[in-house]
Each structure stands twice: as C-alpha cells, then as structure tokens.
Amino acid sequence: MTDINNWIDSEVKGNDVVLFMKGTPTFPQCGFSGQVVQILDYLGVDYKGINVLENADIRQGIKEYSNWPTIPQLYVKGEFVGGCDIIREMFQGGELQGFLTGKGIAVAEVPASA
C-alpha cells in the first residue's frame, strides 16, 4: 500500500488540479463524478482526471489517503477540497471560483447570473 500512497501523493502534489473519479473526464462512470467534471469544464479549469475504476489499489488508496470515504475527490495544489456535494455547494455559492483563482488556477469568465 505504501507504493500506492506514494503514487497518489506524487499525483496530488505534481498536478495543480487532480480529480480522482469513476471513469474519465470525457466519459464519467457515475453521476457524482460527472457533476464535478461538468463544473470544472464549465469553469474552464485545466485538470487531470484519474480513473479509480482501473485499479482497485488506487480506488481504496485514495480513500485512505484523504480519509474521505467517497469518490470523486478533488485536489487543488496538493490540498483536498472535497467530493461532489462540497464542490457543487462551493460552485453554486460562488466560492469555488474564488478558491481556485486564489490558488492561482485559471478560471474562465462566467456570467454573474450563472
């Protein structure tokens, strides 16, 4: 498990935005992963999607790494942000955009009424 933990750690710290998800950004395999993909795509965020369904060790390892029981999991600049509900709430409240830009992540201009 140490190898998986090290691999996850390097992915989380080596990419500005990482989404551990079921499926891929172009073909999400669950509704929750799909919602986070839609939000990130809507905001024009450049991110890396990691499909936990391809490897049981990664799927279990990410839950232990974050001490968070569900997938998807979003990391920004090495920091665990949350799962689908948290990301959706932050997005709907306008907090996600500010959080991302505060971390130096480019976000597309979206209409204020969105």
PDB file of N, CA and C in Angstrom:
ATOM      1  N   MET A   1       0.820  -1.207   0.000  1.00  0.00           N
ATOM      2  CA  MET A   1       0.000   0.000   0.000  1.00  0.00           C
ATOM      3  C   MET A   1       0.856   1.262   0.000  1.00  0.00           C
ATOM      4  N   THR A   2       2.068   1.127   0.495  1.00  0.00           N
ATOM      5  CA  THR A   2       2.957   2.287   0.538  1.00  0.00           C
ATOM      6  C   THR A   2       3.232   2.821  -0.860  1.00  0.00           C
ATOM      7  N   ASP A   3       3.438   1.908  -1.825  1.00  0.00           N
ATOM      8  CA  ASP A   3       3.702   2.339  -3.191  1.00  0.00           C
ATOM      9  C   ASP A   3       2.528   3.138  -3.748  1.00  0.00           C
ATOM     10  N   ILE A   4       1.316   2.643  -3.514  1.00  0.00           N
ATOM     11  CA  ILE A   4       0.125   3.350  -3.980  1.00  0.00           C
ATOM     12  C   ILE A   4       0.019   4.713  -3.301  1.00  0.00           C
ATOM     13  N   ASN A   5       0.264   4.744  -2.008  1.00  0.00           N
ATOM     14  CA  ASN A   5       0.200   6.005  -1.275  1.00  0.00           C
ATOM     15  C   ASN A   5       1.213   7.000  -1.829  1.00  0.00           C
ATOM     16  N   ASN A   6       2.415   6.535  -2.121  1.00  0.00           N
ATOM     17  CA  ASN A   6       3.443   7.410  -2.701  1.00  0.00           C
ATOM     18  C   ASN A   6       3.026   7.897  -4.083  1.00  0.00           C
ATOM     19  N   TRP A   7       2.439   6.989  -4.882  1.00  0.00           N
ATOM     20  CA  TRP A   7       1.996   7.358  -6.231  1.00  0.00           C
ATOM     21  C   TRP A   7       0.892   8.411  -6.149  1.00  0.00           C
ATOM     22  N   ILE A   8      -0.100   8.169  -5.283  1.00  0.00           N
ATOM     23  CA  ILE A   8      -1.188   9.132  -5.099  1.00  0.00           C
ATOM     24  C   ILE A   8      -0.628  10.483  -4.650  1.00  0.00           C
ATOM     25  N   ASP A   9       0.279  10.448  -3.684  1.00  0.00           N
ATOM     26  CA  ASP A   9       0.891  11.673  -3.165  1.00  0.00           C
ATOM     27  C   ASP A   9       1.584  12.444  -4.281  1.00  0.00           C
ATOM     28  N   SER A  10       2.306  11.743  -5.152  1.00  0.00           N
ATOM     29  CA  SER A  10       3.015  12.427  -6.239  1.00  0.00           C
ATOM     30  C   SER A  10       2.034  13.001  -7.263  1.00  0.00           C
ATOM     31  N   GLU A  11       0.919  12.311  -7.507  1.00  0.00           N
ATOM     32  CA  GLU A  11      -0.106  12.835  -8.427  1.00  0.00           C
ATOM     33  C   GLU A  11      -0.755  14.085  -7.842  1.00  0.00           C
ATOM     34  N   VAL A  12      -1.110  14.012  -6.564  1.00  0.00           N
ATOM     35  CA  VAL A  12      -1.776  15.129  -5.889  1.00  0.00           C
ATOM     36  C   VAL A  12      -0.864  16.354  -5.842  1.00  0.00           C
ATOM     37  N   LYS A  13       0.412  16.129  -5.561  1.00  0.00           N
ATOM     38  CA  LYS A  13       1.352  17.249  -5.423  1.00  0.00           C
ATOM     39  C   LYS A  13       1.984  17.667  -6.744  1.00  0.00           C
ATOM     40  N   GLY A  14       1.923  16.782  -7.755  1.00  0.00           N
ATOM     41  CA  GLY A  14       2.571  17.067  -9.031  1.00  0.00           C
ATOM     42  C   GLY A  14       1.659  17.717 -10.060  1.00  0.00           C
ATOM     43  N   ASN A  15       0.372  17.811  -9.758  1.00  0.00           N
ATOM     44  CA  ASN A  15      -0.591  18.426 -10.674  1.00  0.00           C
ATOM     45  C   ASN A  15      -1.360  19.509  -9.927  1.00  0.00           C
ATOM     46  N   ASP A  16      -1.599  20.640 -10.575  1.00  0.00           N
ATOM     47  CA  ASP A  16      -2.308  21.732  -9.908  1.00  0.00           C
ATOM     48  C   ASP A  16      -3.721  21.324  -9.493  1.00  0.00           C
ATOM     49  N   VAL A  17      -4.423  20.646 -10.394  1.00  0.00           N
ATOM     50  CA  VAL A  17      -5.792  20.212 -10.104  1.00  0.00           C
ATOM     51  C   VAL A  17      -5.930  18.754 -10.523  1.00  0.00           C
ATOM     52  N   VAL A  18      -6.321  17.905  -9.571  1.00  0.00           N
ATOM     53  CA  VAL A  18      -6.481  16.473  -9.841  1.00  0.00           C
ATOM     54  C   VAL A  18      -7.852  16.037  -9.339  1.00  0.00           C
ATOM     55  N   LEU A  19      -8.552  15.293 -10.197  1.00  0.00           N
ATOM     56  CA  LEU A  19      -9.844  14.734  -9.815  1.00  0.00           C
ATOM     57  C   LEU A  19      -9.744  13.213  -9.857  1.00  0.00           C
ATOM     58  N   PHE A  20      -9.819  12.598  -8.690  1.00  0.00           N
ATOM     59  CA  PHE A  20      -9.915  11.146  -8.615  1.00  0.00           C
ATOM     60  C   PHE A  20     -11.391  10.829  -8.795  1.00  0.00           C
ATOM     61  N   MET A  21     -11.713  10.073  -9.842  1.00  0.00           N
ATOM     62  CA  MET A  21     -13.101   9.908 -10.236  1.00  0.00           C
ATOM     63  C   MET A  21     -13.369   8.503 -10.765  1.00  0.00           C
ATOM     64  N   LYS A  22     -14.643   8.193 -10.902  1.00  0.00           N
ATOM     65  CA  LYS A  22     -15.045   6.941 -11.539  1.00  0.00           C
ATOM     66  C   LYS A  22     -15.260   7.257 -13.009  1.00  0.00           C
ATOM     67  N   GLY A  23     -14.402   6.680 -13.856  1.00  0.00           N
ATOM     68  CA  GLY A  23     -14.431   6.980 -15.275  1.00  0.00           C
ATOM     69  C   GLY A  23     -13.393   8.029 -15.624  1.00  0.00           C
ATOM     70  N   THR A  24     -13.591   8.654 -16.771  1.00  0.00           N
ATOM     71  CA  THR A  24     -12.661   9.670 -17.263  1.00  0.00           C
ATOM     72  C   THR A  24     -13.423  10.982 -17.484  1.00  0.00           C
ATOM     73  N   PRO A  25     -12.692  12.094 -17.606  1.00  0.00           N
ATOM     74  CA  PRO A  25     -13.385  13.367 -17.856  1.00  0.00           C
ATOM     75  C   PRO A  25     -14.279  13.329 -19.097  1.00  0.00           C
ATOM     76  N   THR A  26     -13.887  12.578 -20.122  1.00  0.00           N
ATOM     77  CA  THR A  26     -14.714  12.507 -21.329  1.00  0.00           C
ATOM     78  C   THR A  26     -15.828  11.480 -21.212  1.00  0.00           C
ATOM     79  N   PHE A  27     -15.694  10.540 -20.265  1.00  0.00           N
ATOM     80  CA  PHE A  27     -16.720   9.508 -20.089  1.00  0.00           C
ATOM     81  C   PHE A  27     -16.851   9.120 -18.618  1.00  0.00           C
ATOM     82  N   PRO A  28     -17.451   9.999 -17.820  1.00  0.00           N
ATOM     83  CA  PRO A  28     -17.631   9.692 -16.398  1.00  0.00           C
ATOM     84  C   PRO A  28     -18.511   8.449 -16.226  1.00  0.00           C
ATOM     85  N   GLN A  29     -18.174   7.640 -15.225  1.00  0.00           N
ATOM     86  CA  GLN A  29     -18.888   6.389 -14.989  1.00  0.00           C
ATOM     87  C   GLN A  29     -19.870   6.466 -13.823  1.00  0.00           C
ATOM     88  N   CYS A  30     -20.022   7.640 -13.221  1.00  0.00           N
ATOM     89  CA  CYS A  30     -21.039   7.798 -12.186  1.00  0.00           C
ATOM     90  C   CYS A  30     -21.505   9.246 -12.195  1.00  0.00           C
ATOM     91  N   GLY A  31     -22.718   9.452 -11.730  1.00  0.00           N
ATOM     92  CA  GLY A  31     -23.312  10.781 -11.762  1.00  0.00           C
ATOM     93  C   GLY A  31     -22.554  11.809 -10.947  1.00  0.00           C
ATOM     94  N   PHE A  32     -22.009  11.381  -9.800  1.00  0.00           N
ATOM     95  CA  PHE A  32     -21.288  12.318  -8.938  1.00  0.00           C
ATOM     96  C   PHE A  32     -20.008  12.791  -9.610  1.00  0.00           C
ATOM     97  N   SER A  33     -19.262  11.846 -10.200  1.00  0.00           N
ATOM     98  CA  SER A  33     -18.054  12.223 -10.939  1.00  0.00           C
ATOM     99  C   SER A  33     -18.427  13.137 -12.102  1.00  0.00           C
ATOM    100  N   GLY A  34     -19.527  12.799 -12.782  1.00  0.00           N
ATOM    101  CA  GLY A  34     -19.986  13.594 -13.917  1.00  0.00           C
ATOM    102  C   GLY A  34     -20.307  15.024 -13.535  1.00  0.00           C
ATOM    103  N   GLN A  35     -20.926  15.216 -12.346  1.00  0.00           N
ATOM    104  CA  GLN A  35     -21.265  16.570 -11.902  1.00  0.00           C
ATOM    105  C   GLN A  35     -20.012  17.406 -11.678  1.00  0.00           C
ATOM    106  N   VAL A  36     -18.998  16.813 -11.056  1.00  0.00           N
ATOM    107  CA  VAL A  36     -17.758  17.559 -10.796  1.00  0.00           C
ATOM    108  C   VAL A  36     -17.061  17.884 -12.119  1.00  0.00           C
ATOM    109  N   VAL A  37     -17.053  16.940 -13.055  1.00  0.00           N
ATOM    110  CA  VAL A  37     -16.478  17.179 -14.387  1.00  0.00           C
ATOM    111  C   VAL A  37     -17.201  18.347 -15.060  1.00  0.00           C
ATOM    112  N   GLN A  38     -18.530  18.356 -14.998  1.00  0.00           N
ATOM    113  CA  GLN A  38     -19.299  19.439 -15.621  1.00  0.00           C
ATOM    114  C   GLN A  38     -18.937  20.792 -15.017  1.00  0.00           C
ATOM    115  N   ILE A  39     -18.792  20.842 -13.710  1.00  0.00           N
ATOM    116  CA  ILE A  39     -18.448  22.096 -13.032  1.00  0.00           C
ATOM    117  C   ILE A  39     -17.054  22.562 -13.456  1.00  0.00           C
ATOM    118  N   LEU A  40     -16.078  21.644 -13.420  1.00  0.00           N
ATOM    119  CA  LEU A  40     -14.712  22.022 -13.803  1.00  0.00           C
ATOM    120  C   LEU A  40     -14.639  22.439 -15.261  1.00  0.00           C
ATOM    121  N   ASP A  41     -15.350  21.702 -16.132  1.00  0.00           N
ATOM    122  CA  ASP A  41     -15.356  22.042 -17.550  1.00  0.00           C
ATOM    123  C   ASP A  41     -16.039  23.395 -17.779  1.00  0.00           C
ATOM    124  N   TYR A  42     -17.139  23.634 -17.068  1.00  0.00           N
ATOM    125  CA  TYR A  42     -17.861  24.903 -17.182  1.00  0.00           C
ATOM    126  C   TYR A  42     -16.962  26.071 -16.801  1.00  0.00           C
ATOM    127  N   LEU A  43     -16.159  25.853 -15.779  1.00  0.00           N
ATOM    128  CA  LEU A  43     -15.243  26.897 -15.317  1.00  0.00           C
ATOM    129  C   LEU A  43     -13.970  26.972 -16.157  1.00  0.00           C
ATOM    130  N   GLY A  44     -13.814  26.032 -17.088  1.00  0.00           N
ATOM    131  CA  GLY A  44     -12.635  26.049 -17.953  1.00  0.00           C
ATOM    132  C   GLY A  44     -11.354  25.694 -17.229  1.00  0.00           C
ATOM    133  N   VAL A  45     -11.471  24.906 -16.154  1.00  0.00           N
ATOM    134  CA  VAL A  45     -10.304  24.543 -15.351  1.00  0.00           C
ATOM    135  C   VAL A  45      -9.535  23.416 -16.040  1.00  0.00           C
ATOM    136  N   ASP A  46      -8.226  23.570 -16.107  1.00  0.00           N
ATOM    137  CA  ASP A  46      -7.350  22.531 -16.638  1.00  0.00           C
ATOM    138  C   ASP A  46      -7.057  21.572 -15.492  1.00  0.00           C
ATOM    139  N   TYR A  47      -7.444  20.301 -15.640  1.00  0.00           N
ATOM    140  CA  TYR A  47      -7.258  19.350 -14.550  1.00  0.00           C
ATOM    141  C   TYR A  47      -6.920  17.967 -15.092  1.00  0.00           C
ATOM    142  N   LYS A  48      -6.411  17.146 -14.213  1.00  0.00           N
ATOM    143  CA  LYS A  48      -6.104  15.768 -14.568  1.00  0.00           C
ATOM    144  C   LYS A  48      -7.139  14.863 -13.914  1.00  0.00           C
ATOM    145  N   GLY A  49      -7.795  14.029 -14.702  1.00  0.00           N
ATOM    146  CA  GLY A  49      -8.737  13.051 -14.175  1.00  0.00           C
ATOM    147  C   GLY A  49      -8.049  11.706 -14.020  1.00  0.00           C
ATOM    148  N   ILE A  50      -8.220  11.082 -12.866  1.00  0.00           N
ATOM    149  CA  ILE A  50      -7.654   9.751 -12.638  1.00  0.00           C
ATOM    150  C   ILE A  50      -8.806   8.789 -12.376  1.00  0.00           C
ATOM    151  N   ASN A  51      -8.907   7.776 -13.222  1.00  0.00           N
ATOM    152  CA  ASN A  51      -9.989   6.802 -13.155  1.00  0.00           C
ATOM    153  C   ASN A  51      -9.688   5.739 -12.101  1.00  0.00           C
ATOM    154  N   VAL A  52     -10.394   5.794 -10.979  1.00  0.00           N
ATOM    155  CA  VAL A  52     -10.146   4.834  -9.896  1.00  0.00           C
ATOM    156  C   VAL A  52     -10.683   3.445 -10.233  1.00  0.00           C
ATOM    157  N   LEU A  53     -11.541   3.342 -11.249  1.00  0.00           N
ATOM    158  CA  LEU A  53     -12.089   2.039 -11.623  1.00  0.00           C
ATOM    159  C   LEU A  53     -11.051   1.156 -12.312  1.00  0.00           C
ATOM    160  N   GLU A  54      -9.967   1.760 -12.787  1.00  0.00           N
ATOM    161  CA  GLU A  54      -8.933   0.993 -13.481  1.00  0.00           C
ATOM    162  C   GLU A  54      -8.034   0.227 -12.518  1.00  0.00           C
ATOM    163  N   ASN A  55      -8.049   0.606 -11.235  1.00  0.00           N
ATOM    164  CA  ASN A  55      -7.123  -0.017 -10.291  1.00  0.00           C
ATOM    165  C   ASN A  55      -7.727  -0.007  -8.888  1.00  0.00           C
ATOM    166  N   ALA A  56      -7.992  -1.195  -8.361  1.00  0.00           N
ATOM    167  CA  ALA A  56      -8.613  -1.317  -7.032  1.00  0.00           C
ATOM    168  C   ALA A  56      -7.725  -0.715  -5.946  1.00  0.00           C
ATOM    169  N   ASP A  57      -6.404  -0.795  -6.117  1.00  0.00           N
ATOM    170  CA  ASP A  57      -5.487  -0.226  -5.126  1.00  0.00           C
ATOM    171  C   ASP A  57      -5.620   1.297  -5.058  1.00  0.00           C
ATOM    172  N   ILE A  58      -5.759   1.913  -6.222  1.00  0.00           N
ATOM    173  CA  ILE A  58      -5.937   3.372  -6.256  1.00  0.00           C
ATOM    174  C   ILE A  58      -7.296   3.727  -5.651  1.00  0.00           C
ATOM    175  N   ARG A  59      -8.307   2.943  -6.011  1.00  0.00           N
ATOM    176  CA  ARG A  59      -9.664   3.222  -5.518  1.00  0.00           C
ATOM    177  C   ARG A  59      -9.712   3.194  -3.992  1.00  0.00           C
ATOM    178  N   GLN A  60      -9.074   2.195  -3.392  1.00  0.00           N
ATOM    179  CA  GLN A  60      -9.038   2.106  -1.935  1.00  0.00           C
ATOM    180  C   GLN A  60      -8.017   3.086  -1.362  1.00  0.00           C
ATOM    181  N   GLY A  61      -6.892   3.203  -2.043  1.00  0.00           N
ATOM    182  CA  GLY A  61      -5.798   4.047  -1.557  1.00  0.00           C
ATOM    183  C   GLY A  61      -6.171   5.504  -1.423  1.00  0.00           C
ATOM    184  N   ILE A  62      -6.964   6.020  -2.375  1.00  0.00           N
ATOM    185  CA  ILE A  62      -7.316   7.438  -2.318  1.00  0.00           C
ATOM    186  C   ILE A  62      -8.235   7.700  -1.129  1.00  0.00           C
ATOM    187  N   LYS A  63      -9.071   6.736  -0.781  1.00  0.00           N
ATOM    188  CA  LYS A  63      -9.961   6.895   0.379  1.00  0.00           C
ATOM    189  C   LYS A  63      -9.150   6.964   1.670  1.00  0.00           C
ATOM    190  N   GLU A  64      -8.101   6.163   1.736  1.00  0.00           N
ATOM    191  CA  GLU A  64      -7.235   6.170   2.915  1.00  0.00           C
ATOM    192  C   GLU A  64      -6.350   7.419   2.931  1.00  0.00           C
ATOM    193  N   TYR A  65      -5.895   7.820   1.749  1.00  0.00           N
ATOM    194  CA  TYR A  65      -5.025   8.997   1.633  1.00  0.00           C
ATOM    195  C   TYR A  65      -5.732  10.241   2.176  1.00  0.00           C
ATOM    196  N   SER A  66      -6.990  10.398   1.795  1.00  0.00           N
ATOM    197  CA  SER A  66      -7.740  11.600   2.174  1.00  0.00           C
ATOM    198  C   SER A  66      -8.543  11.423   3.462  1.00  0.00           C
ATOM    199  N   ASN A  67      -8.683  10.165   3.880  1.00  0.00           N
ATOM    200  CA  ASN A  67      -9.573   9.841   4.999  1.00  0.00           C
ATOM    201  C   ASN A  67     -10.990  10.303   4.669  1.00  0.00           C
ATOM    202  N   TRP A  68     -11.367  10.119   3.394  1.00  0.00           N
ATOM    203  CA  TRP A  68     -12.675  10.517   2.887  1.00  0.00           C
ATOM    204  C   TRP A  68     -13.260   9.286   2.193  1.00  0.00           C
ATOM    205  N   PRO A  69     -14.485   8.870   2.538  1.00  0.00           N
ATOM    206  CA  PRO A  69     -14.983   7.572   2.093  1.00  0.00           C
ATOM    207  C   PRO A  69     -15.501   7.479   0.658  1.00  0.00           C
ATOM    208  N   THR A  70     -15.706   8.619   0.000  1.00  0.00           N
ATOM    209  CA  THR A  70     -16.362   8.561  -1.304  1.00  0.00           C
ATOM    210  C   THR A  70     -15.507   9.123  -2.429  1.00  0.00           C
ATOM    211  N   ILE A  71     -15.913   8.773  -3.639  1.00  0.00           N
ATOM    212  CA  ILE A  71     -15.295   9.238  -4.871  1.00  0.00           C
ATOM    213  C   ILE A  71     -16.408   9.952  -5.625  1.00  0.00           C
ATOM    214  N   PRO A  72     -16.194  11.062  -6.288  1.00  0.00           N
ATOM    215  CA  PRO A  72     -14.925  11.696  -6.630  1.00  0.00           C
ATOM    216  C   PRO A  72     -14.295  12.491  -5.485  1.00  0.00           C
ATOM    217  N   GLN A  73     -13.009  12.771  -5.686  1.00  0.00           N
ATOM    218  CA  GLN A  73     -12.266  13.618  -4.758  1.00  0.00           C
ATOM    219  C   GLN A  73     -11.455  14.614  -5.580  1.00  0.00           C
ATOM    220  N   LEU A  74     -11.591  15.886  -5.219  1.00  0.00           N
ATOM    221  CA  LEU A  74     -10.885  16.946  -5.940  1.00  0.00           C
ATOM    222  C   LEU A  74      -9.755  17.499  -5.078  1.00  0.00           C
ATOM    223  N   TYR A  75      -8.586  17.595  -5.690  1.00  0.00           N
ATOM    224  CA  TYR A  75      -7.409  18.168  -5.035  1.00  0.00           C
ATOM    225  C   TYR A  75      -6.951  19.372  -5.843  1.00  0.00           C
ATOM    226  N   VAL A  76      -6.618  20.453  -5.135  1.00  0.00           N
ATOM    227  CA  VAL A  76      -6.098  21.660  -5.780  1.00  0.00           C
ATOM    228  C   VAL A  76      -4.809  22.034  -5.074  1.00  0.00           C
ATOM    229  N   LYS A  77      -3.726  22.100  -5.851  1.00  0.00           N
ATOM    230  CA  LYS A  77      -2.405  22.462  -5.308  1.00  0.00           C
ATOM    231  C   LYS A  77      -2.055  21.609  -4.073  1.00  0.00           C
ATOM    232  N   GLY A  78      -2.337  20.309  -4.171  1.00  0.00           N
ATOM    233  CA  GLY A  78      -1.982  19.387  -3.098  1.00  0.00           C
ATOM    234  C   GLY A  78      -2.963  19.342  -1.941  1.00  0.00           C
ATOM    235  N   GLU A  79      -4.017  20.137  -1.993  1.00  0.00           N
ATOM    236  CA  GLU A  79      -4.986  20.221  -0.898  1.00  0.00           C
ATOM    237  C   GLU A  79      -6.293  19.533  -1.283  1.00  0.00           C
ATOM    238  N   PHE A  80      -6.783  18.664  -0.408  1.00  0.00           N
ATOM    239  CA  PHE A  80      -8.076  18.024  -0.631  1.00  0.00           C
ATOM    240  C   PHE A  80      -9.177  19.060  -0.461  1.00  0.00           C
ATOM    241  N   VAL A  81      -9.992  19.234  -1.502  1.00  0.00           N
ATOM    242  CA  VAL A  81     -11.067  20.215  -1.455  1.00  0.00           C
ATOM    243  C   VAL A  81     -12.372  19.555  -1.027  1.00  0.00           C
ATOM    244  N   GLY A  82     -12.696  18.405  -1.624  1.00  0.00           N
ATOM    245  CA  GLY A  82     -13.915  17.718  -1.242  1.00  0.00           C
ATOM    246  C   GLY A  82     -14.436  16.818  -2.344  1.00  0.00           C
ATOM    247  N   GLY A  83     -15.615  16.279  -2.072  1.00  0.00           N
ATOM    248  CA  GLY A  83     -16.306  15.425  -3.024  1.00  0.00           C
ATOM    249  C   GLY A  83     -17.375  16.209  -3.764  1.00  0.00           C
ATOM    250  N   CYS A  84     -18.273  15.484  -4.394  1.00  0.00           N
ATOM    251  CA  CYS A  84     -19.281  16.091  -5.254  1.00  0.00           C
ATOM    252  C   CYS A  84     -20.135  17.128  -4.528  1.00  0.00           C
ATOM    253  N   ASP A  85     -20.694  16.786  -3.378  1.00  0.00           N
ATOM    254  CA  ASP A  85     -21.595  17.711  -2.672  1.00  0.00           C
ATOM    255  C   ASP A  85     -20.889  19.008  -2.308  1.00  0.00           C
ATOM    256  N   ILE A  86     -19.675  18.887  -1.792  1.00  0.00           N
ATOM    257  CA  ILE A  86     -18.913  20.073  -1.383  1.00  0.00           C
ATOM    258  C   ILE A  86     -18.577  20.941  -2.593  1.00  0.00           C
ATOM    259  N   ILE A  87     -18.122  20.306  -3.671  1.00  0.00           N
ATOM    260  CA  ILE A  87     -17.759  21.053  -4.881  1.00  0.00           C
ATOM    261  C   ILE A  87     -18.989  21.754  -5.453  1.00  0.00           C
ATOM    262  N   ARG A  88     -20.115  21.030  -5.504  1.00  0.00           N
ATOM    263  CA  ARG A  88     -21.349  21.614  -6.035  1.00  0.00           C
ATOM    264  C   ARG A  88     -21.804  22.804  -5.184  1.00  0.00           C
ATOM    265  N   GLU A  89     -21.766  22.653  -3.872  1.00  0.00           N
ATOM    266  CA  GLU A  89     -22.174  23.748  -2.983  1.00  0.00           C
ATOM    267  C   GLU A  89     -21.247  24.955  -3.128  1.00  0.00           C
ATOM    268  N   MET A  90     -19.940  24.691  -3.217  1.00  0.00           N
ATOM    269  CA  MET A  90     -18.986  25.792  -3.399  1.00  0.00           C
ATOM    270  C   MET A  90     -19.232  26.499  -4.723  1.00  0.00           C
ATOM    271  N   PHE A  91     -19.504  25.710  -5.770  1.00  0.00           N
ATOM    272  CA  PHE A  91     -19.753  26.277  -7.097  1.00  0.00           C
ATOM    273  C   PHE A  91     -21.026  27.122  -7.088  1.00  0.00           C
ATOM    274  N   GLN A  92     -22.109  26.558  -6.543  1.00  0.00           N
ATOM    275  CA  GLN A  92     -23.388  27.273  -6.532  1.00  0.00           C
ATOM    276  C   GLN A  92     -23.319  28.544  -5.692  1.00  0.00           C
ATOM    277  N   GLY A  93     -22.501  28.521  -4.651  1.00  0.00           N
ATOM    278  CA  GLY A  93     -22.357  29.697  -3.803  1.00  0.00           C
ATOM    279  C   GLY A  93     -21.321  30.690  -4.304  1.00  0.00           C
ATOM    280  N   GLY A  94     -20.671  30.346  -5.423  1.00  0.00           N
ATOM    281  CA  GLY A  94     -19.658  31.230  -5.991  1.00  0.00           C
ATOM    282  C   GLY A  94     -18.304  31.150  -5.298  1.00  0.00           C
ATOM    283  N   GLU A  95     -18.172  30.243  -4.336  1.00  0.00           N
ATOM    284  CA  GLU A  95     -16.918  30.137  -3.586  1.00  0.00           C
ATOM    285  C   GLU A  95     -15.827  29.400  -4.376  1.00  0.00           C
ATOM    286  N   LEU A  96     -16.230  28.434  -5.197  1.00  0.00           N
ATOM    287  CA  LEU A  96     -15.246  27.593  -5.886  1.00  0.00           C
ATOM    288  C   LEU A  96     -14.359  28.428  -6.811  1.00  0.00           C
ATOM    289  N   GLN A  97     -14.985  29.329  -7.558  1.00  0.00           N
ATOM    290  CA  GLN A  97     -14.224  30.173  -8.483  1.00  0.00           C
ATOM    291  C   GLN A  97     -13.175  30.975  -7.725  1.00  0.00           C
ATOM    292  N   GLY A  98     -13.570  31.589  -6.613  1.00  0.00           N
ATOM    293  CA  GLY A  98     -12.636  32.376  -5.816  1.00  0.00           C
ATOM    294  C   GLY A  98     -11.548  31.526  -5.198  1.00  0.00           C
ATOM    295  N   PHE A  99     -11.923  30.334  -4.753  1.00  0.00           N
ATOM    296  CA  PHE A  99     -10.945  29.409  -4.179  1.00  0.00           C
ATOM    297  C   PHE A  99      -9.887  29.046  -5.221  1.00  0.00           C
ATOM    298  N   LEU A 100     -10.344  28.707  -6.431  1.00  0.00           N
ATOM    299  CA  LEU A 100      -9.417  28.316  -7.494  1.00  0.00           C
ATOM    300  C   LEU A 100      -8.501  29.465  -7.892  1.00  0.00           C
ATOM    301  N   THR A 101      -9.080  30.637  -8.116  1.00  0.00           N
ATOM    302  CA  THR A 101      -8.238  31.771  -8.518  1.00  0.00           C
ATOM    303  C   THR A 101      -7.282  32.153  -7.399  1.00  0.00           C
ATOM    304  N   GLY A 102      -7.723  32.002  -6.157  1.00  0.00           N
ATOM    305  CA  GLY A 102      -6.861  32.274  -5.014  1.00  0.00           C
ATOM    306  C   GLY A 102      -5.661  31.347  -4.954  1.00  0.00           C
ATOM    307  N   LYS A 103      -5.820  30.152  -5.536  1.00  0.00           N
ATOM    308  CA  LYS A 103      -4.723  29.183  -5.581  1.00  0.00           C
ATOM    309  C   LYS A 103      -3.903  29.335  -6.871  1.00  0.00           C
ATOM    310  N   GLY A 104      -4.264  30.336  -7.686  1.00  0.00           N
ATOM    311  CA  GLY A 104      -3.513  30.566  -8.920  1.00  0.00           C
ATOM    312  C   GLY A 104      -3.961  29.714 -10.087  1.00  0.00           C
ATOM    313  N   ILE A 105      -5.185  29.171  -9.990  1.00  0.00           N
ATOM    314  CA  ILE A 105      -5.739  28.344 -11.079  1.00  0.00           C
ATOM    315  C   ILE A 105      -6.584  29.227 -11.969  1.00  0.00           C
ATOM    316  N   ALA A 106      -6.326  29.166 -13.285  1.00  0.00           N
ATOM    317  CA  ALA A 106      -7.081  29.975 -14.234  1.00  0.00           C
ATOM    318  C   ALA A 106      -8.508  29.452 -14.327  1.00  0.00           C
ATOM    319  N   VAL A 107      -9.456  30.386 -14.267  1.00  0.00           N
ATOM    320  CA  VAL A 107     -10.876  30.061 -14.358  1.00  0.00           C
ATOM    321  C   VAL A 107     -11.477  30.939 -15.443  1.00  0.00           C
ATOM    322  N   ALA A 108     -12.340  30.339 -16.290  1.00  0.00           N
ATOM    323  CA  ALA A 108     -12.986  31.099 -17.365  1.00  0.00           C
ATOM    324  C   ALA A 108     -13.947  32.106 -16.767  1.00  0.00           C
ATOM    325  N   GLU A 109     -14.109  33.219 -17.477  1.00  0.00           N
ATOM    326  CA  GLU A 109     -15.104  34.209 -17.047  1.00  0.00           C
ATOM    327  C   GLU A 109     -16.484  33.621 -17.289  1.00  0.00           C
ATOM    328  N   VAL A 110     -17.282  33.582 -16.240  1.00  0.00           N
ATOM    329  CA  VAL A 110     -18.650  33.093 -16.401  1.00  0.00           C
ATOM    330  C   VAL A 110     -19.612  34.220 -16.058  1.00  0.00           C
ATOM    331  N   PRO A 111     -20.760  34.253 -16.698  1.00  0.00           N
ATOM    332  CA  PRO A 111     -21.719  35.320 -16.425  1.00  0.00           C
ATOM    333  C   PRO A 111     -22.112  35.332 -14.947  1.00  0.00           C
ATOM    334  N   ALA A 112     -22.306  36.498 -14.401  1.00  0.00           N
ATOM    335  CA  ALA A 112     -22.650  36.634 -12.986  1.00  0.00           C
ATOM    336  C   ALA A 112     -23.975  35.952 -12.654  1.00  0.00           C
ATOM    337  N   SER A 113     -24.830  35.830 -13.641  1.00  0.00           N
ATOM    338  CA  SER A 113     -26.143  35.227 -13.401  1.00  0.00           C
ATOM    339  C   SER A 113     -26.088  33.694 -13.422  1.00  0.00           C
ATOM    340  N   ALA A 114     -24.956  33.140 -13.747  1.00  0.00           N
ATOM    341  CA  ALA A 114     -24.852  31.680 -13.874  1.00  0.00           C
ATOM    342  C   ALA A 114     -25.004  30.981 -12.540  1.00  0.00           C
TER     343      ALA A 114
END
